[in-house]
Each structure stands twice: as C-alpha cells, then as structure tokens.
Amino acid sequence: MLVLLGFAMIAVFMVLIMTKKLTPVLALIIVPTVFGLFAGAGLGIGDMVMDSMKSMTSTAALLMFAIIYFGLMIDVGLFDPLVRFILRKLGNDPAKVVLGTALLAAAVSLDGDGSTTFILTTAAMLPIYLRLKMSPVVLTVVAGLANGTMNIVPWGGPTARAASALKIDVNEVFVPMIPSLIAGLAVVLVFAWVLGLQERNRLRATAPEIWGVPSSAEPFTAEELDGGTPAGGSGSFRNGSVRNGSGNGGSGRGSAPVPATGGPGVGGSVPSTGVALLERTEGLMVDSDTGMTGTALDPNRKTLRPKLFWFNLALTVAVMVVLVANIVPLPYVFMVGSAIALLVNFPHVKDQATQIVAHAPSIVAVVSMVMAAAVLTGVLKGTGMVEAMSAWLVQIIPSSMGPLMAVITGILSIPMTFFMSNDAFYFGVLPVLSETAAHYGISGAEMARASITGQPFHMQSPLVPAILLLVSLAKVDLGDHHKKVLWRAAAVSLVMLAVAMLTGAIGIG
C-alpha cells in the first residue's frame, strides 16, 4: 500500500504542476498532505513535516541571501561589462547565445554548487534573453542540463556520497567516468545548439521590430510565448515591463517586449525582409548602452555604482573563494557578503530597505517552494514510503538479471534520484543494490559509477533547491521547465550510462 501511495503521490504531483492545475507551492503542500493522511500519518504528519523543515532552514537562508547578494550586484552594475563582452562575442544570434549559456553554466558548475551556477548564469544571460525576446525556458533547460551533467564531479556531492556509502575511494569512482562526463556535455551542447536554432527560427518568424513583422501587432502574453509564465506563473511580459510582478529587483528594471503575433508560424516560410533584417541587425546594440534600456542592465538605472565596481568585484571574488573553500557555512557567507555590499553601496538606511524589498518577489518565490518541499520529503520519509518504494524496486529485480545489476542501477538512478533526495538514494538504496550485485561479481566501484549517471535528471527535481532558485530567477514556471527538460535530461543520463559501459567503467557481471 505504501508503495502504491508513494508512486501515486509523485504522479499526481507531477501531473498537477505540468498541467498548471496548481502552482508548485500549493502542489507541494496539498498533495503530500492528502496522501500522508491516506497513509495513516494522522496528526503525526505535523511532526514529520517540521522535522523535515528543520533540515531545510539552512538551504532557505542560503538561497534568500544569495538572491539578495547577486541581485544587488546586478543592480549596481557588476555584471554589465560581462554581458556586453558576451554580446560582442555572441552577437544577436540566438543559437550562439544558447550555446554560450551552456558553456557558461558548465564552466561555473566546476565549483560544485548548483545555486551559485544558476545565480551567475541567470545574472549574466537572462537580460540578453529578454532583450532579444528569447524564451527564458531555454535558458533554464540548458543551464539545468549543463549543471546536472557536471554534478558528478567529486566535490559536487553525489560522487562523494556514493563513494562514502560503499566505502571506496572517490577517485576510483570519478576518474573512469570522465569519458561519460565528456559525452554528456557533448549531448548538452547539441541540445543547446538545436534549441538555439529553434529560437532563431521562431524569432525570424514572429519578432516585430527586428524580424520584419509590423510593430503594431498585439504582443504575445507570457503564456503564448514558449517560455511559460513569469514569476512562478503570475503576470506577463508586455510592452517592455513586467506586470503583476517584478524582475530581480532594482530601480527601472523590467523586461524587453515580448514578440508580437502575426506573420508566418515557426517552421513556415520566412519573409525575405525578415532575413535581411536579421543579417543587418547582427551585432546591433552590442556596443551601445541604449540597447540595454528596459532590461536588468538599463544604463540609466539609479542603482548603478560605477565608482564601486572594483570593490564589488573584489567582494564577489572573496565570497566565491570562501564558498569554494568551505571555511564557514555557506548561508553565513552570503549573509555577511550581503550586509557588506548593502552597507558600502547604499549607506543610507532607506536605500538599504528599498534594495531588500526590491528582491522580495524572487525571495518569496524560491523560499516558499523550499519550505513547501519539506512537506513532500517529510511525508515520504515519515510514513515510510521511501523505504517501501526502495525495497519494492529491489525485490522486483529477477535473479536472472543479476549480472546486469550495475546497468539496472544506472537506469533506476534516473527516476529514483528525482523522487527522493541524494542522501536517501545513496545511503539507503545503493548499499542494498550493491550487496545484491556483489553476488554476481560486480564491484562496489562499478555500482557507484552507475548510480551517478542519473544526476542530469536528478537536478531537475522539485526537491532540489537549486532548480527552484533557477526557475524563480528566470521567472519561469516549473511545469514549463519540466516539459522541455525532462526527456532531454533522461537522454543525457542514458548516454552517460552507455558510454560508461562501452569504456568498461560499468561492466556486466
């Protein structure tokens, strides 16, 4: 019964958010509560949730102050030169912009922290996407895939967990998986290029002022645009501003206008004037500050602090160094960093309060989802659903498939790390699977390698705070993100598993 309830709860939750019947926050609260009561939790469900929420508080604090810090750095102009540099290199070609997003996310992911990767990638690239009228969902998909693939680095977490659970050296797990990592990144780059080409074709066919469609046409709503709804599903981008919500905060910030309807659909014939305009506008607004007007990088925003650029850069580098060195808890790093940044850039109390309030929409969106996720994880663990689901999966594997246990583990890691935390999978499920595999001559190292191939899919889970941060910063609905990313993430994971088998990192007993 617990197995059925567990899988049914996950299925209902996914259907509700992907069909937009409920917002992710409401689904994370209501669905587990109903299923938890059916599972016999009774009044004890409150204690289950509160126990789970205690482990979430540090994550919520980290995300809250990270949003404040990097949002503030965007406001004061720290990332303006970086975005202008990217634009000079990438131009206005959506295909190059999306490919650049993947490369940037992969590079930043080397620090092993998903939240940092998504904050920096979004800060650098989202203004470009909005200004070029590109879908923010493409940004979240590409960044999520790149970070999920890079998440198998030894300091990323899953590899260390797998090695610890099976009591083997972490390098023994990671080094043979380097070819799989390279192959996974190659697939991510292919997906990024294809998505970029699709965006290029869509913009040629639909964008008003630049691509040849009359500018008087009615703009798309955010729901009509292939980027989903902004701000977690509320409001829409229209006429150069954000309605019923805000960007990452700051004065004079908004979005670029959303493409207008009219003209041929995507995949249809493109007017020759549109192609000519596309070629002529290549590189437009790259060196002109006026091209940033109406975006998060508006050169006229009152929050700019050009005289403090080098101070803000030094402070950000210091924060990153302390973060990577793991000297003190990460939430405290961003707390202190935010306090110093606010004090120096905005010495007046009124301005400090204004800046904090300016980022409130992003903070509320992500922190509320983190807290709500505690209901789902609390019910899964407290009612025993996780243990029952794990035991059932182990039991249904026939003995004749014993020699394939490593491959089976790799396949199971795709859905299981999506539905449960890495800790639950690596410390609860993997040891049981590994013990069974040992009877067929499959080493613990092979099992550990197989178990980390599901990370590209795992990183898209609503139980991962970093992905909640990504969709919140990009103003993308989680359901829209999942529609585009899940099958691609599964493909990346399967490619990594297949390459590991071909290279001998994962064998057949």
Protein backbone atom coordinates (compact mmCIF):
# COMPACT_ATOMS: atom_id res chain seq x y z
CA MET A 1 0.00 0.00 0.00
CA LEU A 2 2.82 2.43 0.85
CA VAL A 3 4.49 1.69 -2.47
CA LEU A 4 1.30 2.45 -4.40
CA LEU A 5 0.63 5.60 -2.39
CA GLY A 6 4.21 6.79 -2.86
CA PHE A 7 4.25 6.43 -6.62
CA ALA A 8 0.69 7.75 -6.92
CA MET A 9 1.61 10.82 -4.87
CA ILE A 10 4.58 11.62 -7.11
CA ALA A 11 2.49 11.04 -10.25
CA VAL A 12 -0.35 13.28 -9.09
CA PHE A 13 2.10 16.00 -8.07
CA MET A 14 3.84 15.97 -11.46
CA VAL A 15 0.57 15.99 -13.41
CA LEU A 16 -0.82 18.91 -11.42
CA ILE A 17 2.20 21.16 -11.90
CA MET A 18 2.81 20.24 -15.55
CA THR A 19 -0.83 20.84 -16.47
CA LYS A 20 -0.80 24.02 -14.33
CA LYS A 21 -3.77 22.96 -12.27
CA LEU A 22 -1.84 24.03 -9.17
CA THR A 23 1.24 26.13 -8.58
CA PRO A 24 4.28 24.13 -7.38
CA VAL A 25 3.99 25.59 -3.88
CA LEU A 26 0.37 24.54 -3.46
CA ALA A 27 1.02 21.13 -5.02
CA LEU A 28 3.97 20.52 -2.68
CA ILE A 29 1.74 21.22 0.30
CA ILE A 30 -1.67 19.81 -0.64
CA VAL A 31 -0.76 16.58 -2.46
CA PRO A 32 1.60 15.13 0.21
CA THR A 33 -0.82 16.14 2.96
CA VAL A 34 -3.71 14.23 1.35
CA PHE A 35 -1.62 11.15 0.59
CA GLY A 36 0.05 11.29 4.02
CA LEU A 37 -3.35 11.14 5.70
CA PHE A 38 -4.33 8.19 3.50
CA ALA A 39 -1.08 6.50 4.59
CA GLY A 40 -2.18 6.76 8.21
CA ALA A 41 0.02 9.63 9.32
CA GLY A 42 -2.80 11.22 11.29
CA LEU A 43 -1.87 14.16 13.50
CA GLY A 44 1.73 12.97 13.41
CA ILE A 45 2.04 14.43 9.93
CA GLY A 46 2.81 17.80 11.50
CA ASP A 47 5.87 16.44 13.31
CA MET A 48 7.04 14.71 10.11
CA VAL A 49 6.90 17.98 8.20
CA MET A 50 8.57 20.01 10.94
CA ASP A 51 11.42 17.50 11.25
CA SER A 52 11.97 17.77 7.52
CA MET A 53 11.69 21.56 7.59
CA LYS A 54 14.50 21.82 10.16
CA SER A 55 16.91 20.42 7.59
CA MET A 56 15.63 22.94 5.02
CA THR A 57 16.20 26.12 7.03
CA SER A 58 19.87 26.47 6.18
CA THR A 59 19.09 25.95 2.49
CA ALA A 60 16.34 28.58 2.63
CA ALA A 61 18.72 31.03 4.30
CA LEU A 62 21.39 30.34 1.71
CA LEU A 63 19.02 30.96 -1.20
CA MET A 64 17.48 34.04 0.39
CA PHE A 65 20.75 35.86 0.97
CA ALA A 66 22.29 34.60 -2.28
CA ILE A 67 19.38 36.19 -4.15
CA ILE A 68 19.86 39.44 -2.25
CA TYR A 69 23.60 39.46 -2.86
CA PHE A 70 23.66 38.68 -6.57
CA GLY A 71 20.54 40.72 -7.22
CA LEU A 72 22.32 43.64 -5.60
CA MET A 73 25.41 43.05 -7.73
CA ILE A 74 23.23 43.16 -10.84
CA ASP A 75 21.64 46.40 -9.67
CA VAL A 76 24.95 48.17 -9.01
CA GLY A 77 26.36 47.17 -12.41
CA LEU A 78 28.91 44.45 -11.61
CA PHE A 79 27.76 42.21 -14.46
CA ASP A 80 27.21 44.92 -17.09
CA PRO A 81 30.73 44.59 -18.60
CA LEU A 82 30.43 40.79 -18.66
CA VAL A 83 27.13 40.88 -20.56
CA ARG A 84 28.47 43.46 -23.04
CA PHE A 85 31.53 41.23 -23.59
CA ILE A 86 29.30 38.19 -24.17
CA LEU A 87 27.18 40.15 -26.62
CA ARG A 88 30.24 41.28 -28.55
CA LYS A 89 31.36 37.67 -28.85
CA LEU A 90 27.97 36.09 -29.50
CA GLY A 91 26.22 38.93 -31.33
CA ASN A 92 22.45 38.71 -31.54
CA ASP A 93 22.35 35.16 -32.89
CA PRO A 94 20.05 33.13 -30.59
CA ALA A 95 21.85 29.88 -31.48
CA LYS A 96 25.17 31.30 -30.30
CA VAL A 97 23.56 32.80 -27.19
CA VAL A 98 22.07 29.45 -26.14
CA LEU A 99 25.33 27.64 -26.83
CA GLY A 100 27.16 30.30 -24.81
CA THR A 101 24.69 29.72 -21.96
CA ALA A 102 25.55 26.02 -21.90
CA LEU A 103 29.29 26.69 -21.90
CA LEU A 104 28.98 29.33 -19.17
CA ALA A 105 26.83 27.09 -16.96
CA ALA A 106 29.22 24.15 -17.42
CA ALA A 107 32.24 26.29 -16.56
CA VAL A 108 30.69 27.80 -13.46
CA SER A 109 29.48 24.34 -12.38
CA LEU A 110 33.09 23.43 -11.69
CA ASP A 111 32.63 24.95 -8.23
CA GLY A 112 30.25 22.07 -7.47
CA ASP A 113 27.43 24.29 -6.23
CA GLY A 114 24.23 24.39 -8.28
CA SER A 115 22.83 27.51 -6.63
CA THR A 116 25.94 29.54 -7.43
CA THR A 117 25.93 28.26 -11.01
CA PHE A 118 22.32 29.22 -11.60
CA ILE A 119 22.66 32.62 -9.96
CA LEU A 120 25.68 33.61 -12.04
CA THR A 121 24.35 32.13 -15.28
CA THR A 122 20.98 33.82 -14.88
CA ALA A 123 22.55 37.13 -13.88
CA ALA A 124 24.73 37.14 -16.98
CA MET A 125 22.35 35.68 -19.56
CA LEU A 126 18.74 36.49 -18.61
CA PRO A 127 18.99 40.19 -19.61
CA ILE A 128 20.26 39.06 -23.02
CA TYR A 129 17.40 36.56 -23.45
CA LEU A 130 14.79 39.15 -22.54
CA ARG A 131 16.30 41.83 -24.76
CA LEU A 132 16.49 39.52 -27.74
CA LYS A 133 12.95 38.27 -26.98
CA MET A 134 14.20 34.72 -26.43
CA SER A 135 12.35 32.20 -24.26
CA PRO A 136 13.65 32.12 -20.67
CA VAL A 137 12.68 28.43 -20.56
CA VAL A 138 15.52 27.72 -22.99
CA LEU A 139 17.90 29.31 -20.50
CA THR A 140 16.67 27.16 -17.60
CA VAL A 141 16.74 23.99 -19.70
CA VAL A 142 20.29 24.48 -20.93
CA ALA A 143 21.62 25.65 -17.56
CA GLY A 144 19.89 22.77 -15.78
CA LEU A 145 21.28 20.17 -18.19
CA ALA A 146 24.83 21.54 -18.02
CA ASN A 147 24.84 21.72 -14.24
CA GLY A 148 23.26 18.29 -13.83
CA THR A 149 25.91 16.73 -16.05
CA MET A 150 28.74 18.47 -14.20
CA ASN A 151 27.24 17.44 -10.86
CA ILE A 152 29.21 14.18 -10.92
CA VAL A 153 32.49 15.97 -10.19
CA PRO A 154 33.92 14.61 -6.89
CA TRP A 155 33.20 17.79 -4.95
CA GLY A 156 29.67 18.11 -6.34
CA GLY A 157 28.15 15.78 -3.75
CA PRO A 158 26.66 12.65 -5.39
CA THR A 159 30.01 11.04 -6.24
CA ALA A 160 31.27 11.60 -2.70
CA ARG A 161 28.04 10.19 -1.29
CA ALA A 162 28.24 7.07 -3.45
CA ALA A 163 31.89 6.52 -2.51
CA SER A 164 31.17 7.02 1.18
CA ALA A 165 28.14 4.73 1.17
CA LEU A 166 30.14 1.89 -0.39
CA LYS A 167 33.39 2.74 1.43
CA ILE A 168 35.58 3.21 -1.64
CA ASP A 169 37.91 5.96 -2.80
CA VAL A 170 36.13 8.81 -4.56
CA ASN A 171 38.74 8.99 -7.34
CA GLU A 172 38.11 5.33 -8.10
CA VAL A 173 34.54 6.30 -8.84
CA PHE A 174 35.08 9.53 -10.75
CA VAL A 175 38.16 9.06 -12.94
CA PRO A 176 36.77 6.18 -15.06
CA MET A 177 33.62 8.30 -15.56
CA ILE A 178 35.46 11.20 -17.24
CA PRO A 179 34.66 9.90 -20.77
CA SER A 180 30.98 9.71 -19.76
CA LEU A 181 31.16 13.26 -18.43
CA ILE A 182 32.63 14.49 -21.72
CA ALA A 183 29.99 12.61 -23.71
CA GLY A 184 27.23 14.03 -21.54
CA LEU A 185 28.48 17.56 -22.05
CA ALA A 186 28.65 16.96 -25.80
CA VAL A 187 24.99 15.92 -25.82
CA VAL A 188 24.10 19.00 -23.77
CA LEU A 189 25.87 21.23 -26.30
CA VAL A 190 23.99 19.53 -29.15
CA PHE A 191 20.69 20.12 -27.37
CA ALA A 192 21.71 23.75 -26.75
CA TRP A 193 22.53 24.32 -30.41
CA VAL A 194 19.25 22.77 -31.59
CA LEU A 195 17.27 24.84 -29.09
CA GLY A 196 19.14 27.91 -30.27
CA LEU A 197 18.29 27.18 -33.89
CA GLN A 198 14.64 26.77 -32.93
CA GLU A 199 14.72 30.13 -31.17
CA ARG A 200 16.38 31.73 -34.18
CA ASN A 201 13.63 30.42 -36.49
CA ARG A 202 10.88 31.46 -34.09
CA LEU A 203 12.23 34.99 -33.78
CA ARG A 204 12.66 35.35 -37.53
CA ALA A 205 9.01 34.44 -37.92
CA THR A 206 7.44 36.33 -35.04
CA ALA A 207 9.59 39.16 -33.60
CA PRO A 208 8.03 42.53 -34.51
CA GLU A 209 10.52 45.37 -34.87
CA ILE A 210 13.62 43.41 -35.77
CA TRP A 211 12.41 40.50 -37.87
CA GLY A 212 10.04 42.29 -40.23
CA VAL A 213 6.61 41.87 -38.57
CA PRO A 214 4.62 45.10 -38.10
CA SER A 215 5.30 46.56 -34.67
CA SER A 216 1.62 47.45 -34.22
CA ALA A 217 0.70 43.80 -33.82
CA GLU A 218 -0.54 42.70 -30.42
CA PRO A 219 2.31 41.28 -28.29
CA PHE A 220 2.35 37.70 -27.06
CA THR A 221 1.39 37.07 -23.48
CA ALA A 222 3.91 35.08 -21.47
CA GLU A 223 1.64 32.05 -21.74
CA GLU A 224 1.72 32.26 -25.55
CA LEU A 225 5.48 32.60 -25.61
CA ASP A 226 7.33 29.30 -25.36
CA GLY A 227 8.80 30.45 -22.09
CA GLY A 228 5.83 29.87 -19.86
CA THR A 229 4.65 32.35 -17.29
CA PRO A 230 6.96 34.66 -15.39
CA ALA A 231 7.36 34.88 -11.64
CA GLY A 232 6.29 31.35 -10.94
CA GLY A 233 3.20 31.57 -13.11
CA SER A 234 1.77 35.01 -12.43
CA GLY A 235 1.94 38.09 -14.56
CA SER A 236 3.22 38.51 -18.09
CA PHE A 237 5.84 40.41 -20.00
CA ARG A 238 4.24 43.12 -22.14
CA ASN A 239 5.24 46.44 -23.59
CA GLY A 240 8.68 46.45 -22.04
CA SER A 241 7.68 45.92 -18.42
CA VAL A 242 6.68 43.20 -16.03
CA ARG A 243 3.06 43.14 -14.96
CA ASN A 244 1.95 41.71 -11.63
CA GLY A 245 5.48 41.01 -10.55
CA SER A 246 9.00 42.25 -10.89
CA GLY A 247 12.34 41.25 -12.22
CA ASN A 248 15.23 40.61 -9.92
CA GLY A 249 14.60 43.94 -8.29
CA GLY A 250 16.14 47.38 -8.50
CA SER A 251 15.01 50.63 -9.97
CA GLY A 252 13.90 50.90 -13.54
CA ARG A 253 14.16 47.20 -14.17
CA GLY A 254 11.90 45.22 -16.43
CA SER A 255 11.99 43.04 -19.46
CA ALA A 256 12.26 43.50 -23.14
CA PRO A 257 8.99 43.46 -25.07
CA VAL A 258 7.69 40.05 -25.98
CA PRO A 259 7.36 39.15 -29.65
CA ALA A 260 4.18 40.08 -31.43
CA THR A 261 1.86 37.77 -33.23
CA GLY A 262 1.43 37.94 -36.94
CA GLY A 263 3.49 36.65 -39.81
CA PRO A 264 4.25 33.04 -40.55
CA GLY A 265 4.48 30.49 -37.80
CA VAL A 266 7.67 28.78 -36.74
CA GLY A 267 8.81 26.40 -39.37
CA GLY A 268 6.96 28.24 -42.14
CA SER A 269 8.40 30.45 -44.83
CA VAL A 270 10.34 33.47 -43.59
CA PRO A 271 9.88 36.77 -45.41
CA SER A 272 12.98 37.91 -47.26
CA THR A 273 12.76 41.23 -45.44
CA GLY A 274 12.95 39.36 -42.16
CA VAL A 275 16.10 37.51 -43.26
CA ALA A 276 17.67 40.72 -44.50
CA LEU A 277 16.87 42.48 -41.25
CA LEU A 278 18.28 39.56 -39.30
CA GLU A 279 21.55 39.87 -41.19
CA ARG A 280 21.67 43.66 -40.86
CA THR A 281 20.90 43.62 -37.15
CA GLU A 282 23.65 41.14 -36.36
CA GLY A 283 25.73 42.92 -33.74
CA LEU A 284 23.22 45.71 -33.16
CA MET A 285 23.04 47.02 -29.58
CA VAL A 286 26.25 45.26 -28.70
CA ASP A 287 28.40 48.29 -28.11
CA SER A 288 25.54 50.71 -27.49
CA ASP A 289 24.41 51.17 -23.91
CA THR A 290 21.00 52.22 -25.15
CA GLY A 291 20.46 48.66 -26.24
CA MET A 292 20.27 47.74 -22.55
CA THR A 293 17.37 50.11 -21.88
CA GLY A 294 14.35 48.36 -20.44
CA THR A 295 16.33 45.37 -19.22
CA ALA A 296 18.06 44.45 -15.99
CA LEU A 297 21.13 46.19 -17.41
CA ASP A 298 19.48 49.53 -18.10
CA PRO A 299 22.39 52.03 -18.13
CA ASN A 300 20.14 54.72 -16.67
CA ARG A 301 19.03 52.84 -13.57
CA LYS A 302 19.54 54.76 -10.35
CA THR A 303 21.17 51.84 -8.56
CA LEU A 304 24.38 51.89 -10.64
CA ARG A 305 27.58 52.36 -8.63
CA PRO A 306 30.38 52.59 -11.25
CA LYS A 307 32.86 54.05 -8.77
CA LEU A 308 32.49 50.95 -6.60
CA PHE A 309 32.97 48.44 -9.42
CA TRP A 310 36.37 47.20 -8.27
CA PHE A 311 35.23 46.96 -4.66
CA ASN A 312 32.18 44.93 -5.66
CA LEU A 313 34.30 42.70 -7.87
CA ALA A 314 36.80 42.08 -5.07
CA LEU A 315 33.98 41.36 -2.62
CA THR A 316 32.36 38.90 -5.02
CA VAL A 317 35.65 37.10 -5.65
CA ALA A 318 36.20 36.89 -1.89
CA VAL A 319 32.71 35.45 -1.39
CA MET A 320 33.33 32.85 -4.10
CA VAL A 321 36.71 31.88 -2.65
CA VAL A 322 35.26 31.39 0.82
CA LEU A 323 32.33 29.49 -0.69
CA VAL A 324 34.55 27.04 -2.59
CA ALA A 325 36.97 26.68 0.33
CA ASN A 326 34.02 25.77 2.57
CA ILE A 327 35.63 27.55 5.54
CA VAL A 328 32.34 28.63 7.11
CA PRO A 329 28.72 27.62 6.43
CA LEU A 330 27.50 28.90 3.07
CA PRO A 331 24.41 30.73 4.38
CA TYR A 332 26.63 32.79 6.67
CA VAL A 333 28.96 33.64 3.78
CA PHE A 334 26.12 35.24 1.84
CA MET A 335 24.68 36.87 4.94
CA VAL A 336 27.93 38.70 5.62
CA GLY A 337 28.51 39.40 1.92
CA SER A 338 25.04 40.91 1.54
CA ALA A 339 25.46 43.03 4.64
CA ILE A 340 28.81 44.45 3.48
CA ALA A 341 27.53 45.05 -0.05
CA LEU A 342 24.44 46.88 1.18
CA LEU A 343 26.39 48.96 3.68
CA VAL A 344 29.00 50.12 1.16
CA ASN A 345 26.80 50.58 -1.91
CA PHE A 346 23.80 52.00 -0.09
CA PRO A 347 24.94 53.72 3.12
CA HIS A 348 21.51 55.26 3.80
CA VAL A 349 19.09 53.09 5.78
CA LYS A 350 16.16 53.95 3.50
CA ASP A 351 18.08 52.81 0.41
CA GLN A 352 19.12 49.58 2.12
CA ALA A 353 15.49 48.77 2.94
CA THR A 354 14.45 49.61 -0.62
CA GLN A 355 17.01 47.22 -2.07
CA ILE A 356 15.92 44.35 0.16
CA VAL A 357 12.26 44.91 -0.68
CA ALA A 358 13.13 45.14 -4.40
CA HIS A 359 14.21 41.49 -4.36
CA ALA A 360 11.29 40.30 -2.24
CA PRO A 361 9.36 38.65 -5.14
CA SER A 362 12.29 36.40 -6.03
CA ILE A 363 12.97 35.60 -2.38
CA VAL A 364 9.36 34.71 -1.60
CA ALA A 365 9.08 32.57 -4.73
CA VAL A 366 12.10 30.37 -4.00
CA VAL A 367 11.98 30.23 -0.19
CA SER A 368 8.28 29.34 -0.19
CA MET A 369 8.98 26.42 -2.53
CA VAL A 370 11.87 25.21 -0.38
CA MET A 371 9.67 25.27 2.72
CA ALA A 372 6.81 23.62 0.85
CA ALA A 373 9.15 20.88 -0.37
CA ALA A 374 9.63 19.95 3.28
CA VAL A 375 6.04 18.69 3.28
CA LEU A 376 6.75 16.26 0.44
CA THR A 377 10.05 15.00 1.83
CA GLY A 378 8.65 14.81 5.36
CA VAL A 379 5.68 12.68 4.30
CA LEU A 380 7.82 10.44 2.07
CA LYS A 381 10.21 9.71 4.92
CA GLY A 382 7.88 9.87 7.90
CA THR A 383 5.27 7.48 6.52
CA GLY A 384 7.91 5.02 5.33
CA MET A 385 7.03 5.48 1.65
CA VAL A 386 10.66 5.96 0.60
CA GLU A 387 11.81 2.77 2.31
CA ALA A 388 8.87 0.79 0.94
CA MET A 389 9.41 2.06 -2.61
CA SER A 390 13.13 1.23 -2.44
CA ALA A 391 12.58 -2.25 -1.05
CA TRP A 392 9.92 -2.99 -3.67
CA LEU A 393 12.21 -1.97 -6.52
CA VAL A 394 14.97 -4.24 -5.21
CA GLN A 395 12.58 -7.16 -4.81
CA ILE A 396 11.12 -7.00 -8.31
CA ILE A 397 14.51 -7.41 -9.97
CA PRO A 398 14.65 -11.10 -11.00
CA SER A 399 17.75 -13.10 -10.14
CA SER A 400 18.33 -13.81 -13.82
CA MET A 401 19.13 -10.14 -14.28
CA GLY A 402 21.72 -10.18 -11.53
CA PRO A 403 24.69 -9.76 -13.91
CA LEU A 404 23.06 -6.56 -15.15
CA MET A 405 22.73 -5.01 -11.69
CA ALA A 406 25.10 -2.14 -12.49
CA VAL A 407 23.17 -1.23 -15.62
CA ILE A 408 19.86 -1.60 -13.77
CA THR A 409 21.18 0.66 -11.02
CA GLY A 410 22.11 3.30 -13.58
CA ILE A 411 18.61 3.18 -15.07
CA LEU A 412 16.96 3.22 -11.63
CA SER A 413 19.05 6.22 -10.59
CA ILE A 414 17.22 8.36 -13.17
CA PRO A 415 13.73 8.25 -11.61
CA MET A 416 14.75 7.42 -8.05
CA THR A 417 17.05 10.39 -7.54
CA PHE A 418 14.26 12.55 -8.97
CA PHE A 419 11.70 11.31 -6.46
CA MET A 420 13.97 11.25 -3.42
CA SER A 421 16.98 13.09 -2.07
CA ASN A 422 20.52 12.07 -2.94
CA ASP A 423 21.07 11.10 0.69
CA ALA A 424 18.07 8.75 0.64
CA PHE A 425 19.20 7.09 -2.57
CA TYR A 426 22.93 6.82 -1.97
CA PHE A 427 22.81 5.88 1.70
CA GLY A 428 19.53 3.95 1.67
CA VAL A 429 19.07 2.27 -1.72
CA LEU A 430 22.56 1.96 -3.22
CA PRO A 431 24.07 -0.20 -0.44
CA VAL A 432 21.21 -2.70 -0.82
CA LEU A 433 21.63 -2.84 -4.58
CA SER A 434 25.41 -3.13 -4.24
CA GLU A 435 25.13 -6.00 -1.78
CA THR A 436 22.94 -7.88 -4.24
CA ALA A 437 25.30 -7.11 -7.13
CA ALA A 438 28.29 -8.46 -5.19
CA HIS A 439 26.84 -11.97 -5.53
CA TYR A 440 27.25 -11.65 -9.29
CA GLY A 441 30.83 -10.39 -9.19
CA ILE A 442 30.01 -6.71 -9.72
CA SER A 443 32.29 -4.43 -7.73
CA GLY A 444 31.15 -1.59 -5.50
CA ALA A 445 33.05 0.88 -7.66
CA GLU A 446 31.03 -0.12 -10.74
CA MET A 447 27.80 0.24 -8.80
CA ALA A 448 28.85 3.66 -7.55
CA ARG A 449 29.69 4.81 -11.08
CA ALA A 450 26.37 3.59 -12.40
CA SER A 451 24.49 5.30 -9.60
CA ILE A 452 25.74 8.79 -10.52
CA THR A 453 24.64 8.65 -14.16
CA GLY A 454 21.15 9.81 -13.18
CA GLN A 455 22.35 13.20 -11.94
CA PRO A 456 21.32 15.22 -15.03
CA PHE A 457 17.75 14.05 -14.35
CA HIS A 458 18.04 14.43 -10.58
CA MET A 459 18.95 18.11 -10.84
CA GLN A 460 15.54 18.87 -12.38
CA SER A 461 13.65 17.55 -9.35
CA PRO A 462 11.45 19.96 -7.37
CA LEU A 463 13.17 18.51 -4.29
CA VAL A 464 16.43 20.18 -5.41
CA PRO A 465 16.50 23.75 -4.03
CA ALA A 466 18.89 24.93 -6.74
CA ILE A 467 16.43 24.21 -9.56
CA LEU A 468 13.73 26.10 -7.66
CA LEU A 469 16.13 29.02 -7.48
CA LEU A 470 16.82 28.81 -11.22
CA VAL A 471 13.19 28.90 -12.32
CA SER A 472 12.42 31.64 -9.83
CA LEU A 473 15.24 33.90 -11.01
CA ALA A 474 14.34 33.29 -14.66
CA LYS A 475 10.63 33.89 -13.99
CA VAL A 476 9.77 30.50 -15.49
CA ASP A 477 7.02 28.14 -14.42
CA LEU A 478 8.39 24.83 -13.09
CA GLY A 479 5.93 22.88 -15.21
CA ASP A 480 7.11 24.64 -18.38
CA HIS A 481 10.70 23.83 -17.44
CA HIS A 482 9.88 20.16 -16.88
CA LYS A 483 8.07 19.83 -20.21
CA LYS A 484 11.21 20.76 -22.09
CA VAL A 485 13.97 19.43 -19.86
CA LEU A 486 12.94 16.00 -18.55
CA TRP A 487 13.27 13.96 -21.73
CA ARG A 488 16.50 15.72 -22.61
CA ALA A 489 17.90 15.08 -19.13
CA ALA A 490 16.95 11.41 -19.40
CA ALA A 491 18.72 11.23 -22.77
CA VAL A 492 21.91 12.75 -21.31
CA SER A 493 21.83 10.26 -18.41
CA LEU A 494 21.37 7.29 -20.74
CA VAL A 495 24.22 8.45 -22.97
CA MET A 496 26.50 8.74 -19.94
CA LEU A 497 25.49 5.22 -18.86
CA ALA A 498 26.06 3.81 -22.35
CA VAL A 499 29.50 5.41 -22.66
CA ALA A 500 30.46 4.06 -19.23
CA MET A 501 29.53 0.58 -20.43
CA LEU A 502 31.49 1.00 -23.66
CA THR A 503 34.62 2.18 -21.83
CA GLY A 504 34.40 -0.58 -19.24
CA ALA A 505 33.73 1.75 -16.31
CA ILE A 506 30.50 -0.18 -15.82
CA GLY A 507 30.68 -3.87 -16.68
CA ILE A 508 28.29 -6.78 -16.89
CA GLY A 509 28.93 -9.47 -14.31
